[in-house]
């Protein structure tokens, strides 16, 4: 793994639980800063959404910041729990 793939900081995790056909479906996004992607002295964040067992680019992540509605900001421990739930969902 090279330095640009190393996360330096996570700005937020955002969870939204939606109900379809009486079943819960989870949407988990985050904003992350990777090492060596920002210019010195600047912060550069990328939005990502979790599905299919990994994080994917998601440009809409910042529409939830600083107001998380709909949904809530969660911590990393809860995000890891939700990732396990998402991995079990049948898509």
PDB file of N, CA and C in Angstrom:
ATOM      1  N   UNK A   1       0.853  -1.170   0.000  1.00  0.00           N
ATOM      2  CA  UNK A   1       0.000   0.000   0.000  1.00  0.00           C
ATOM      3  C   UNK A   1       0.900   1.235   0.000  1.00  0.00           C
ATOM      4  N   UNK A   2       0.613   2.189  -0.856  1.00  0.00           N
ATOM      5  CA  UNK A   2       1.421   3.405  -0.861  1.00  0.00           C
ATOM      6  C   UNK A   2       0.808   4.457   0.060  1.00  0.00           C
ATOM      7  N   UNK A   3       1.532   5.550   0.295  1.00  0.00           N
ATOM      8  CA  UNK A   3       1.088   6.549   1.268  1.00  0.00           C
ATOM      9  C   UNK A   3      -0.247   7.192   0.916  1.00  0.00           C
ATOM     10  N   UNK A   4      -0.584   7.315  -0.381  1.00  0.00           N
ATOM     11  CA  UNK A   4      -1.842   7.973  -0.706  1.00  0.00           C
ATOM     12  C   UNK A   4      -3.053   7.121  -0.330  1.00  0.00           C
ATOM     13  N   UNK A   5      -2.839   5.841  -0.072  1.00  0.00           N
ATOM     14  CA  UNK A   5      -3.923   4.964   0.358  1.00  0.00           C
ATOM     15  C   UNK A   5      -4.044   4.878   1.877  1.00  0.00           C
ATOM     16  N   UNK A   6      -3.188   5.571   2.594  1.00  0.00           N
ATOM     17  CA  UNK A   6      -3.218   5.548   4.051  1.00  0.00           C
ATOM     18  C   UNK A   6      -4.079   6.699   4.549  1.00  0.00           C
ATOM     19  N   UNK A   7      -5.077   6.370   5.342  1.00  0.00           N
ATOM     20  CA  UNK A   7      -5.973   7.399   5.874  1.00  0.00           C
ATOM     21  C   UNK A   7      -5.264   8.167   6.970  1.00  0.00           C
ATOM     22  N   UNK A   8      -5.260   9.457   6.831  1.00  0.00           N
ATOM     23  CA  UNK A   8      -4.687  10.309   7.867  1.00  0.00           C
ATOM     24  C   UNK A   8      -5.736  10.715   8.888  1.00  0.00           C
ATOM     25  N   UNK A   9      -6.970  10.942   8.408  1.00  0.00           N
ATOM     26  CA  UNK A   9      -8.019  11.444   9.296  1.00  0.00           C
ATOM     27  C   UNK A   9      -9.386  11.142   8.687  1.00  0.00           C
ATOM     28  N   UNK A  10     -10.349  10.787   9.543  1.00  0.00           N
ATOM     29  CA  UNK A  10     -11.740  10.632   9.117  1.00  0.00           C
ATOM     30  C   UNK A  10     -12.510  11.807   9.705  1.00  0.00           C
ATOM     31  N   UNK A  11     -13.122  12.595   8.835  1.00  0.00           N
ATOM     32  CA  UNK A  11     -13.893  13.747   9.291  1.00  0.00           C
ATOM     33  C   UNK A  11     -15.198  13.293   9.940  1.00  0.00           C
ATOM     34  N   UNK A  12     -15.899  12.363   9.284  1.00  0.00           N
ATOM     35  CA  UNK A  12     -17.132  11.843   9.863  1.00  0.00           C
ATOM     36  C   UNK A  12     -17.524  10.532   9.204  1.00  0.00           C
ATOM     37  N   UNK A  13     -18.332   9.760   9.941  1.00  0.00           N
ATOM     38  CA  UNK A  13     -19.091   8.629   9.414  1.00  0.00           C
ATOM     39  C   UNK A  13     -20.557   9.039   9.525  1.00  0.00           C
ATOM     40  N   UNK A  14     -21.341   8.699   8.520  1.00  0.00           N
ATOM     41  CA  UNK A  14     -22.761   9.044   8.521  1.00  0.00           C
ATOM     42  C   UNK A  14     -23.571   7.784   8.240  1.00  0.00           C
ATOM     43  N   UNK A  15     -24.591   7.553   9.065  1.00  0.00           N
ATOM     44  CA  UNK A  15     -25.455   6.385   8.919  1.00  0.00           C
ATOM     45  C   UNK A  15     -26.886   6.838   8.692  1.00  0.00           C
ATOM     46  N   UNK A  16     -27.499   6.238   7.682  1.00  0.00           N
ATOM     47  CA  UNK A  16     -28.935   6.426   7.463  1.00  0.00           C
ATOM     48  C   UNK A  16     -29.550   5.040   7.329  1.00  0.00           C
ATOM     49  N   UNK A  17     -30.601   4.802   8.093  1.00  0.00           N
ATOM     50  CA  UNK A  17     -31.316   3.528   8.020  1.00  0.00           C
ATOM     51  C   UNK A  17     -32.654   3.786   7.347  1.00  0.00           C
ATOM     52  N   UNK A  18     -32.866   3.108   6.217  1.00  0.00           N
ATOM     53  CA  UNK A  18     -34.108   3.271   5.458  1.00  0.00           C
ATOM     54  C   UNK A  18     -34.915   1.981   5.539  1.00  0.00           C
ATOM     55  N   UNK A  19     -36.224   2.107   5.473  1.00  0.00           N
ATOM     56  CA  UNK A  19     -37.111   0.946   5.526  1.00  0.00           C
ATOM     57  C   UNK A  19     -37.753   0.757   4.149  1.00  0.00           C
ATOM     58  N   UNK A  20     -37.497  -0.415   3.544  1.00  0.00           N
ATOM     59  CA  UNK A  20     -38.125  -0.797   2.281  1.00  0.00           C
ATOM     60  C   UNK A  20     -38.727  -2.171   2.475  1.00  0.00           C
ATOM     61  N   UNK A  21     -39.988  -2.319   2.118  1.00  0.00           N
ATOM     62  CA  UNK A  21     -40.670  -3.612   2.256  1.00  0.00           C
ATOM     63  C   UNK A  21     -40.507  -4.189   3.660  1.00  0.00           C
ATOM     64  N   UNK A  22     -40.652  -3.328   4.670  1.00  0.00           N
ATOM     65  CA  UNK A  22     -40.533  -3.709   6.074  1.00  0.00           C
ATOM     66  C   UNK A  22     -39.165  -4.273   6.450  1.00  0.00           C
ATOM     67  N   UNK A  23     -38.121  -3.956   5.678  1.00  0.00           N
ATOM     68  CA  UNK A  23     -36.760  -4.383   5.988  1.00  0.00           C
ATOM     69  C   UNK A  23     -35.871  -3.155   6.092  1.00  0.00           C
ATOM     70  N   UNK A  24     -34.938  -3.209   7.041  1.00  0.00           N
ATOM     71  CA  UNK A  24     -33.981  -2.117   7.201  1.00  0.00           C
ATOM     72  C   UNK A  24     -32.859  -2.243   6.172  1.00  0.00           C
ATOM     73  N   UNK A  25     -32.510  -1.114   5.565  1.00  0.00           N
ATOM     74  CA  UNK A  25     -31.383  -1.034   4.640  1.00  0.00           C
ATOM     75  C   UNK A  25     -30.485   0.092   5.135  1.00  0.00           C
ATOM     76  N   UNK A  26     -29.203  -0.181   5.175  1.00  0.00           N
ATOM     77  CA  UNK A  26     -28.249   0.751   5.765  1.00  0.00           C
ATOM     78  C   UNK A  26     -27.443   1.467   4.690  1.00  0.00           C
ATOM     79  N   UNK A  27     -27.269   2.759   4.881  1.00  0.00           N
ATOM     80  CA  UNK A  27     -26.392   3.565   4.041  1.00  0.00           C
ATOM     81  C   UNK A  27     -25.310   4.142   4.944  1.00  0.00           C
ATOM     82  N   UNK A  28     -24.049   3.811   4.629  1.00  0.00           N
ATOM     83  CA  UNK A  28     -22.920   4.272   5.435  1.00  0.00           C
ATOM     84  C   UNK A  28     -21.957   5.030   4.535  1.00  0.00           C
ATOM     85  N   UNK A  29     -21.690   6.283   4.888  1.00  0.00           N
ATOM     86  CA  UNK A  29     -20.732   7.083   4.140  1.00  0.00           C
ATOM     87  C   UNK A  29     -19.709   7.671   5.105  1.00  0.00           C
ATOM     88  N   UNK A  30     -18.610   8.145   4.536  1.00  0.00           N
ATOM     89  CA  UNK A  30     -17.603   8.799   5.360  1.00  0.00           C
ATOM     90  C   UNK A  30     -16.866   9.830   4.512  1.00  0.00           C
ATOM     91  N   UNK A  31     -16.210  10.748   5.196  1.00  0.00           N
ATOM     92  CA  UNK A  31     -15.304  11.694   4.560  1.00  0.00           C
ATOM     93  C   UNK A  31     -13.932  11.442   5.147  1.00  0.00           C
ATOM     94  N   UNK A  32     -12.956  11.187   4.278  1.00  0.00           N
ATOM     95  CA  UNK A  32     -11.615  10.822   4.731  1.00  0.00           C
ATOM     96  C   UNK A  32     -10.553  11.698   4.076  1.00  0.00           C
ATOM     97  N   UNK A  33      -9.453  11.875   4.804  1.00  0.00           N
ATOM     98  CA  UNK A  33      -8.285  12.541   4.254  1.00  0.00           C
ATOM     99  C   UNK A  33      -7.178  11.497   4.142  1.00  0.00           C
ATOM    100  N   UNK A  34      -6.644  11.327   2.947  1.00  0.00           N
ATOM    101  CA  UNK A  34      -5.543  10.401   2.721  1.00  0.00           C
ATOM    102  C   UNK A  34      -4.217  11.143   2.785  1.00  0.00           C
ATOM    103  N   UNK A  35      -3.205  10.467   3.294  1.00  0.00           N
ATOM    104  CA  UNK A  35      -1.866  11.060   3.342  1.00  0.00           C
ATOM    105  C   UNK A  35      -1.398  11.357   1.922  1.00  0.00           C
ATOM    106  N   UNK A  36      -0.703  12.455   1.781  1.00  0.00           N
ATOM    107  CA  UNK A  36      -0.059  12.857   0.532  1.00  0.00           C
ATOM    108  C   UNK A  36      -1.016  13.211  -0.601  1.00  0.00           C
ATOM    109  N   UNK A  37      -2.304  13.353  -0.352  1.00  0.00           N
ATOM    110  CA  UNK A  37      -3.207  13.823  -1.402  1.00  0.00           C
ATOM    111  C   UNK A  37      -3.425  15.323  -1.326  1.00  0.00           C
ATOM    112  N   UNK A  38      -3.244  15.897  -0.164  1.00  0.00           N
ATOM    113  CA  UNK A  38      -3.422  17.340   0.007  1.00  0.00           C
ATOM    114  C   UNK A  38      -2.074  18.037  -0.112  1.00  0.00           C
ATOM    115  N   UNK A  39      -2.131  19.285  -0.514  1.00  0.00           N
ATOM    116  CA  UNK A  39      -0.925  20.107  -0.527  1.00  0.00           C
ATOM    117  C   UNK A  39      -0.526  20.393   0.919  1.00  0.00           C
ATOM    118  N   UNK A  40       0.756  20.611   1.191  1.00  0.00           N
ATOM    119  CA  UNK A  40       1.185  20.927   2.559  1.00  0.00           C
ATOM    120  C   UNK A  40       0.404  22.112   3.137  1.00  0.00           C
ATOM    121  N   UNK A  41      -0.106  21.933   4.344  1.00  0.00           N
ATOM    122  CA  UNK A  41      -0.869  22.984   5.007  1.00  0.00           C
ATOM    123  C   UNK A  41      -2.338  23.019   4.652  1.00  0.00           C
ATOM    124  N   UNK A  42      -2.784  22.172   3.726  1.00  0.00           N
ATOM    125  CA  UNK A  42      -4.193  22.135   3.330  1.00  0.00           C
ATOM    126  C   UNK A  42      -4.818  20.803   3.740  1.00  0.00           C
ATOM    127  N   UNK A  43      -6.132  20.808   3.832  1.00  0.00           N
ATOM    128  CA  UNK A  43      -6.864  19.571   4.087  1.00  0.00           C
ATOM    129  C   UNK A  43      -7.718  19.260   2.866  1.00  0.00           C
ATOM    130  N   UNK A  44      -7.669  18.033   2.415  1.00  0.00           N
ATOM    131  CA  UNK A  44      -8.434  17.591   1.253  1.00  0.00           C
ATOM    132  C   UNK A  44      -9.154  16.304   1.631  1.00  0.00           C
ATOM    133  N   UNK A  45     -10.473  16.341   1.598  1.00  0.00           N
ATOM    134  CA  UNK A  45     -11.266  15.176   1.977  1.00  0.00           C
ATOM    135  C   UNK A  45     -11.947  14.571   0.758  1.00  0.00           C
ATOM    136  N   UNK A  46     -12.126  13.271   0.810  1.00  0.00           N
ATOM    137  CA  UNK A  46     -12.867  12.561  -0.219  1.00  0.00           C
ATOM    138  C   UNK A  46     -14.047  11.857   0.427  1.00  0.00           C
ATOM    139  N   UNK A  47     -15.187  11.873  -0.237  1.00  0.00           N
ATOM    140  CA  UNK A  47     -16.360  11.163   0.242  1.00  0.00           C
ATOM    141  C   UNK A  47     -16.362   9.736  -0.270  1.00  0.00           C
ATOM    142  N   UNK A  48     -16.811   8.820   0.594  1.00  0.00           N
ATOM    143  CA  UNK A  48     -16.870   7.410   0.226  1.00  0.00           C
ATOM    144  C   UNK A  48     -18.131   6.775   0.807  1.00  0.00           C
ATOM    145  N   UNK A  49     -18.638   5.771   0.097  1.00  0.00           N
ATOM    146  CA  UNK A  49     -19.790   5.001   0.563  1.00  0.00           C
ATOM    147  C   UNK A  49     -19.377   3.536   0.651  1.00  0.00           C
ATOM    148  N   UNK A  50     -19.868   2.852   1.687  1.00  0.00           N
ATOM    149  CA  UNK A  50     -19.520   1.457   1.904  1.00  0.00           C
ATOM    150  C   UNK A  50     -20.587   0.539   1.326  1.00  0.00           C
ATOM    151  N   UNK A  51     -20.160  -0.356   0.433  1.00  0.00           N
ATOM    152  CA  UNK A  51     -21.022  -1.437  -0.055  1.00  0.00           C
ATOM    153  C   UNK A  51     -20.141  -2.463  -0.755  1.00  0.00           C
ATOM    154  N   UNK A  52     -20.677  -3.653  -0.943  1.00  0.00           N
ATOM    155  CA  UNK A  52     -19.936  -4.760  -1.566  1.00  0.00           C
ATOM    156  C   UNK A  52     -18.599  -5.026  -0.884  1.00  0.00           C
ATOM    157  N   UNK A  53     -18.548  -4.824   0.430  1.00  0.00           N
ATOM    158  CA  UNK A  53     -17.365  -5.174   1.193  1.00  0.00           C
ATOM    159  C   UNK A  53     -16.213  -4.193   1.134  1.00  0.00           C
ATOM    160  N   UNK A  54     -16.430  -3.004   0.529  1.00  0.00           N
ATOM    161  CA  UNK A  54     -15.352  -2.021   0.474  1.00  0.00           C
ATOM    162  C   UNK A  54     -15.898  -0.611   0.294  1.00  0.00           C
ATOM    163  N   UNK A  55     -15.003   0.351   0.444  1.00  0.00           N
ATOM    164  CA  UNK A  55     -15.365   1.764   0.309  1.00  0.00           C
ATOM    165  C   UNK A  55     -15.216   2.187  -1.151  1.00  0.00           C
ATOM    166  N   UNK A  56     -16.235   2.938  -1.648  1.00  0.00           N
ATOM    167  CA  UNK A  56     -16.259   3.426  -3.025  1.00  0.00           C
ATOM    168  C   UNK A  56     -16.417   4.942  -3.011  1.00  0.00           C
ATOM    169  N   UNK A  57     -15.874   5.588  -4.015  1.00  0.00           N
ATOM    170  CA  UNK A  57     -15.989   7.034  -4.123  1.00  0.00           C
ATOM    171  C   UNK A  57     -17.459   7.456  -4.138  1.00  0.00           C
ATOM    172  N   UNK A  58     -17.777   8.515  -3.401  1.00  0.00           N
ATOM    173  CA  UNK A  58     -19.154   9.018  -3.322  1.00  0.00           C
ATOM    174  C   UNK A  58     -19.108  10.537  -3.167  1.00  0.00           C
ATOM    175  N   UNK A  59     -19.404  11.242  -4.236  1.00  0.00           N
ATOM    176  CA  UNK A  59     -19.289  12.705  -4.228  1.00  0.00           C
ATOM    177  C   UNK A  59     -20.361  13.392  -3.390  1.00  0.00           C
ATOM    178  N   UNK A  60     -21.453  12.714  -3.079  1.00  0.00           N
ATOM    179  CA  UNK A  60     -22.533  13.325  -2.313  1.00  0.00           C
ATOM    180  C   UNK A  60     -22.348  13.310  -0.807  1.00  0.00           C
ATOM    181  N   UNK A  61     -21.224  12.806  -0.333  1.00  0.00           N
ATOM    182  CA  UNK A  61     -21.005  12.662   1.109  1.00  0.00           C
ATOM    183  C   UNK A  61     -21.092  13.991   1.853  1.00  0.00           C
ATOM    184  N   UNK A  62     -20.647  15.057   1.232  1.00  0.00           N
ATOM    185  CA  UNK A  62     -20.589  16.329   1.951  1.00  0.00           C
ATOM    186  C   UNK A  62     -21.931  17.035   2.035  1.00  0.00           C
ATOM    187  N   UNK A  63     -22.965  16.505   1.385  1.00  0.00           N
ATOM    188  CA  UNK A  63     -24.300  17.082   1.534  1.00  0.00           C
ATOM    189  C   UNK A  63     -24.855  16.825   2.938  1.00  0.00           C
ATOM    190  N   UNK A  64     -24.215  15.923   3.691  1.00  0.00           N
ATOM    191  CA  UNK A  64     -24.635  15.615   5.059  1.00  0.00           C
ATOM    192  C   UNK A  64     -23.824  16.356   6.107  1.00  0.00           C
ATOM    193  N   UNK A  65     -22.963  17.255   5.680  1.00  0.00           N
ATOM    194  CA  UNK A  65     -22.083  17.927   6.638  1.00  0.00           C
ATOM    195  C   UNK A  65     -22.238  19.430   6.524  1.00  0.00           C
ATOM    196  N   UNK A  66     -22.459  20.163   7.580  1.00  0.00           N
ATOM    197  CA  UNK A  66     -22.408  19.753   8.985  1.00  0.00           C
ATOM    198  C   UNK A  66     -23.740  19.258   9.546  1.00  0.00           C
ATOM    199  N   UNK A  67     -24.830  19.259   8.742  1.00  0.00           N
ATOM    200  CA  UNK A  67     -26.138  18.801   9.219  1.00  0.00           C
ATOM    201  C   UNK A  67     -26.365  17.376   8.729  1.00  0.00           C
ATOM    202  N   UNK A  68     -26.431  16.391   9.629  1.00  0.00           N
ATOM    203  CA  UNK A  68     -26.496  14.998   9.213  1.00  0.00           C
ATOM    204  C   UNK A  68     -27.863  14.513   8.746  1.00  0.00           C
ATOM    205  N   UNK A  69     -28.910  15.327   8.852  1.00  0.00           N
ATOM    206  CA  UNK A  69     -30.246  14.822   8.544  1.00  0.00           C
ATOM    207  C   UNK A  69     -30.456  14.676   7.044  1.00  0.00           C
ATOM    208  N   UNK A  70     -31.111  13.619   6.559  1.00  0.00           N
ATOM    209  CA  UNK A  70     -31.577  12.511   7.383  1.00  0.00           C
ATOM    210  C   UNK A  70     -30.406  11.609   7.778  1.00  0.00           C
ATOM    211  N   UNK A  71     -30.506  11.014   8.902  1.00  0.00           N
ATOM    212  CA  UNK A  71     -29.447  10.143   9.400  1.00  0.00           C
ATOM    213  C   UNK A  71     -28.722  10.766  10.573  1.00  0.00           C
ATOM    214  N   UNK A  72     -27.628  10.132  10.962  1.00  0.00           N
ATOM    215  CA  UNK A  72     -26.867  10.572  12.124  1.00  0.00           C
ATOM    216  C   UNK A  72     -25.384  10.356  11.893  1.00  0.00           C
ATOM    217  N   UNK A  73     -24.576  11.186  12.546  1.00  0.00           N
ATOM    218  CA  UNK A  73     -23.143  10.926  12.597  1.00  0.00           C
ATOM    219  C   UNK A  73     -22.909   9.842  13.629  1.00  0.00           C
ATOM    220  N   UNK A  74     -21.989   8.934  13.331  1.00  0.00           N
ATOM    221  CA  UNK A  74     -21.672   7.846  14.247  1.00  0.00           C
ATOM    222  C   UNK A  74     -20.154   7.771  14.412  1.00  0.00           C
ATOM    223  N   UNK A  75     -19.718   7.034  15.435  1.00  0.00           N
ATOM    224  CA  UNK A  75     -18.276   6.886  15.648  1.00  0.00           C
ATOM    225  C   UNK A  75     -17.759   5.663  14.879  1.00  0.00           C
ATOM    226  N   UNK A  76     -16.452   5.486  14.917  1.00  0.00           N
ATOM    227  CA  UNK A  76     -15.818   4.421  14.146  1.00  0.00           C
ATOM    228  C   UNK A  76     -16.233   3.032  14.619  1.00  0.00           C
ATOM    229  N   UNK A  77     -16.430   2.865  15.905  1.00  0.00           N
ATOM    230  CA  UNK A  77     -16.846   1.558  16.433  1.00  0.00           C
ATOM    231  C   UNK A  77     -18.205   1.174  15.867  1.00  0.00           C
ATOM    232  N   UNK A  78     -19.149   2.110  15.880  1.00  0.00           N
ATOM    233  CA  UNK A  78     -20.489   1.843  15.328  1.00  0.00           C
ATOM    234  C   UNK A  78     -20.402   1.637  13.820  1.00  0.00           C
ATOM    235  N   UNK A  79     -19.540   2.397  13.137  1.00  0.00           N
ATOM    236  CA  UNK A  79     -19.371   2.239  11.690  1.00  0.00           C
ATOM    237  C   UNK A  79     -18.907   0.826  11.353  1.00  0.00           C
ATOM    238  N   UNK A  80     -17.982   0.290  12.132  1.00  0.00           N
ATOM    239  CA  UNK A  80     -17.503  -1.070  11.895  1.00  0.00           C
ATOM    240  C   UNK A  80     -18.611  -2.096  12.110  1.00  0.00           C
ATOM    241  N   UNK A  81     -19.479  -1.861  13.088  1.00  0.00           N
ATOM    242  CA  UNK A  81     -20.630  -2.747  13.311  1.00  0.00           C
ATOM    243  C   UNK A  81     -21.567  -2.701  12.105  1.00  0.00           C
ATOM    244  N   UNK A  82     -21.821  -1.500  11.604  1.00  0.00           N
ATOM    245  CA  UNK A  82     -22.723  -1.328  10.463  1.00  0.00           C
ATOM    246  C   UNK A  82     -22.133  -1.964   9.204  1.00  0.00           C
ATOM    247  N   UNK A  83     -20.827  -1.874   9.034  1.00  0.00           N
ATOM    248  CA  UNK A  83     -20.181  -2.513   7.880  1.00  0.00           C
ATOM    249  C   UNK A  83     -20.458  -4.014   7.878  1.00  0.00           C
ATOM    250  N   UNK A  84     -20.439  -4.636   9.021  1.00  0.00           N
ATOM    251  CA  UNK A  84     -20.732  -6.074   9.117  1.00  0.00           C
ATOM    252  C   UNK A  84     -22.186  -6.355   8.740  1.00  0.00           C
ATOM    253  N   UNK A  85     -23.084  -5.474   9.157  1.00  0.00           N
ATOM    254  CA  UNK A  85     -24.500  -5.640   8.807  1.00  0.00           C
ATOM    255  C   UNK A  85     -24.693  -5.486   7.302  1.00  0.00           C
ATOM    256  N   UNK A  86     -24.067  -4.464   6.728  1.00  0.00           N
ATOM    257  CA  UNK A  86     -24.179  -4.230   5.283  1.00  0.00           C
ATOM    258  C   UNK A  86     -23.628  -5.436   4.513  1.00  0.00           C
ATOM    259  N   UNK A  87     -22.534  -5.991   4.976  1.00  0.00           N
ATOM    260  CA  UNK A  87     -21.940  -7.146   4.303  1.00  0.00           C
ATOM    261  C   UNK A  87     -22.887  -8.343   4.273  1.00  0.00           C
ATOM    262  N   UNK A  88     -23.808  -8.412   5.230  1.00  0.00           N
ATOM    263  CA  UNK A  88     -24.760  -9.513   5.292  1.00  0.00           C
ATOM    264  C   UNK A  88     -26.018  -9.255   4.451  1.00  0.00           C
ATOM    265  N   UNK A  89     -26.243  -7.975   4.088  1.00  0.00           N
ATOM    266  CA  UNK A  89     -27.429  -7.643   3.294  1.00  0.00           C
ATOM    267  C   UNK A  89     -27.342  -8.284   1.919  1.00  0.00           C
ATOM    268  N   UNK A  90     -28.475  -8.708   1.417  1.00  0.00           N
ATOM    269  CA  UNK A  90     -28.543  -9.238   0.062  1.00  0.00           C
ATOM    270  C   UNK A  90     -28.944  -8.084  -0.846  1.00  0.00           C
ATOM    271  N   UNK A  91     -28.116  -7.819  -1.812  1.00  0.00           N
ATOM    272  CA  UNK A  91     -28.372  -6.702  -2.738  1.00  0.00           C
ATOM    273  C   UNK A  91     -28.935  -7.227  -4.015  1.00  0.00           C
TER     274      UNK A  91
END
